[in-house]
Amino acid sequence: MGTLTIRGCDDALLDEIRRESRDRTESINKLVLEALEAKYGRGAKPRRHPDLDSLSGTWSEEDSACFEAALADSRKIESEAWK
């Protein structure tokens, strides 16, 4: 495997790369390597989005019912307000 050094990266770009790395809990090297692979198509892997995927399917029926009940009032349509 080769080694690549990048020079001349301005502070704003480096700050953004560091923030993304921290948010994704991945090294800067891995983040930049994935970006290069995605751009040039060699060994590109699907990007893991830093969102709520880890929570998907973890709610119990009781958790789900409680959440739905909490939202019930906000889902009511007040027909008078739409006239």
C-alpha atoms as a PDB file:
ATOM      1  CA  MET A   1       0.000   0.000   0.000  1.00  0.00           C
ATOM      2  CA  GLY A   2       1.151   3.454  -0.830  1.00  0.00           C
ATOM      3  CA  THR A   3       1.303   6.536   1.324  1.00  0.00           C
ATOM      4  CA  LEU A   4      -0.163   9.894   0.366  1.00  0.00           C
ATOM      5  CA  THR A   5       0.649  13.235   1.997  1.00  0.00           C
ATOM      6  CA  ILE A   6      -1.587  16.235   1.407  1.00  0.00           C
ATOM      7  CA  ARG A   7      -0.105  19.714   1.835  1.00  0.00           C
ATOM      8  CA  GLY A   8      -1.696  23.130   1.644  1.00  0.00           C
ATOM      9  CA  CYS A   9      -5.021  22.240   3.249  1.00  0.00           C
ATOM     10  CA  ASP A  10      -6.500  25.469   4.607  1.00  0.00           C
ATOM     11  CA  ASP A  11      -7.622  25.673   8.232  1.00  0.00           C
ATOM     12  CA  ALA A  12     -11.355  25.818   7.435  1.00  0.00           C
ATOM     13  CA  LEU A  13     -11.211  22.646   5.333  1.00  0.00           C
ATOM     14  CA  LEU A  14      -9.102  20.844   7.921  1.00  0.00           C
ATOM     15  CA  ASP A  15     -11.540  21.877  10.674  1.00  0.00           C
ATOM     16  CA  GLU A  16     -14.437  20.490   8.618  1.00  0.00           C
ATOM     17  CA  ILE A  17     -12.585  17.216   8.002  1.00  0.00           C
ATOM     18  CA  ARG A  18     -11.785  16.912  11.719  1.00  0.00           C
ATOM     19  CA  ARG A  19     -15.421  17.622  12.664  1.00  0.00           C
ATOM     20  CA  GLU A  20     -16.713  15.014  10.213  1.00  0.00           C
ATOM     21  CA  SER A  21     -14.149  12.519  11.455  1.00  0.00           C
ATOM     22  CA  ARG A  22     -15.196  13.135  15.060  1.00  0.00           C
ATOM     23  CA  ASP A  23     -18.928  12.950  14.212  1.00  0.00           C
ATOM     24  CA  ARG A  24     -18.476   9.647  12.408  1.00  0.00           C
ATOM     25  CA  THR A  25     -16.040   8.363  15.050  1.00  0.00           C
ATOM     26  CA  GLU A  26     -13.598   7.458  12.281  1.00  0.00           C
ATOM     27  CA  SER A  27      -9.997   8.447  11.719  1.00  0.00           C
ATOM     28  CA  ILE A  28      -9.187  11.301   9.352  1.00  0.00           C
ATOM     29  CA  ASN A  29      -7.240   8.811   7.253  1.00  0.00           C
ATOM     30  CA  LYS A  30     -10.283   6.542   6.869  1.00  0.00           C
ATOM     31  CA  LEU A  31     -12.572   9.482   6.096  1.00  0.00           C
ATOM     32  CA  VAL A  32     -10.285  10.873   3.374  1.00  0.00           C
ATOM     33  CA  LEU A  33      -9.589   7.407   1.957  1.00  0.00           C
ATOM     34  CA  GLU A  34     -13.345   6.704   1.676  1.00  0.00           C
ATOM     35  CA  ALA A  35     -13.849  10.064  -0.083  1.00  0.00           C
ATOM     36  CA  LEU A  36     -11.101   9.240  -2.583  1.00  0.00           C
ATOM     37  CA  GLU A  37     -12.469   5.729  -3.144  1.00  0.00           C
ATOM     38  CA  ALA A  38     -15.966   7.117  -3.711  1.00  0.00           C
ATOM     39  CA  LYS A  39     -14.651   9.676  -6.208  1.00  0.00           C
ATOM     40  CA  TYR A  40     -12.442   7.305  -8.153  1.00  0.00           C
ATOM     41  CA  GLY A  41     -14.473   4.112  -7.769  1.00  0.00           C
ATOM     42  CA  ARG A  42     -11.771   1.790  -6.538  1.00  0.00           C
ATOM     43  CA  GLY A  43     -13.001  -0.323  -3.670  1.00  0.00           C
ATOM     44  CA  ALA A  44     -15.737   2.167  -2.879  1.00  0.00           C
ATOM     45  CA  LYS A  45     -17.790   1.099   0.097  1.00  0.00           C
ATOM     46  CA  PRO A  46     -21.291   2.331   0.910  1.00  0.00           C
ATOM     47  CA  ARG A  47     -21.099   5.299   3.236  1.00  0.00           C
ATOM     48  CA  ARG A  48     -22.409   4.755   6.734  1.00  0.00           C
ATOM     49  CA  HIS A  49     -24.537   7.744   7.623  1.00  0.00           C
ATOM     50  CA  PRO A  50     -24.111   9.170  11.112  1.00  0.00           C
ATOM     51  CA  ASP A  51     -27.786   9.198  11.948  1.00  0.00           C
ATOM     52  CA  LEU A  52     -30.245   7.134  13.953  1.00  0.00           C
ATOM     53  CA  ASP A  53     -29.757   3.822  12.114  1.00  0.00           C
ATOM     54  CA  SER A  54     -28.411   2.198  15.266  1.00  0.00           C
ATOM     55  CA  LEU A  55     -31.794   2.769  16.933  1.00  0.00           C
ATOM     56  CA  SER A  56     -33.820   1.212  14.121  1.00  0.00           C
ATOM     57  CA  GLY A  57     -35.843  -1.733  15.373  1.00  0.00           C
ATOM     58  CA  THR A  58     -34.828  -1.292  19.005  1.00  0.00           C
ATOM     59  CA  TRP A  59     -38.131   0.020  20.374  1.00  0.00           C
ATOM     60  CA  SER A  60     -40.430  -2.319  22.203  1.00  0.00           C
ATOM     61  CA  GLU A  61     -44.161  -2.340  21.450  1.00  0.00           C
ATOM     62  CA  GLU A  62     -44.644  -0.349  24.657  1.00  0.00           C
ATOM     63  CA  ASP A  63     -42.064   2.281  23.578  1.00  0.00           C
ATOM     64  CA  SER A  64     -43.753   2.610  20.207  1.00  0.00           C
ATOM     65  CA  ALA A  65     -47.239   2.950  21.711  1.00  0.00           C
ATOM     66  CA  CYS A  66     -46.011   5.598  24.146  1.00  0.00           C
ATOM     67  CA  PHE A  67     -44.395   7.572  21.313  1.00  0.00           C
ATOM     68  CA  GLU A  68     -47.508   7.364  19.133  1.00  0.00           C
ATOM     69  CA  ALA A  69     -49.693   8.490  22.050  1.00  0.00           C
ATOM     70  CA  ALA A  70     -47.424  11.482  22.649  1.00  0.00           C
ATOM     71  CA  LEU A  71     -47.816  12.545  19.008  1.00  0.00           C
ATOM     72  CA  ALA A  72     -51.556  11.905  18.755  1.00  0.00           C
ATOM     73  CA  ASP A  73     -52.617  15.495  19.513  1.00  0.00           C
ATOM     74  CA  SER A  74     -50.175  16.953  17.002  1.00  0.00           C
ATOM     75  CA  ARG A  75     -51.637  14.755  14.252  1.00  0.00           C
ATOM     76  CA  LYS A  76     -55.209  15.976  14.653  1.00  0.00           C
ATOM     77  CA  ILE A  77     -56.466  18.136  11.817  1.00  0.00           C
ATOM     78  CA  GLU A  78     -58.498  21.097  12.959  1.00  0.00           C
ATOM     79  CA  SER A  79     -60.792  21.552   9.992  1.00  0.00           C
ATOM     80  CA  GLU A  80     -61.959  24.967  11.226  1.00  0.00           C
ATOM     81  CA  ALA A  81     -58.406  26.297  10.973  1.00  0.00           C
ATOM     82  CA  TRP A  82     -58.309  25.367   7.255  1.00  0.00           C
ATOM     83  CA  LYS A  83     -61.382  27.290   6.180  1.00  0.00           C
END
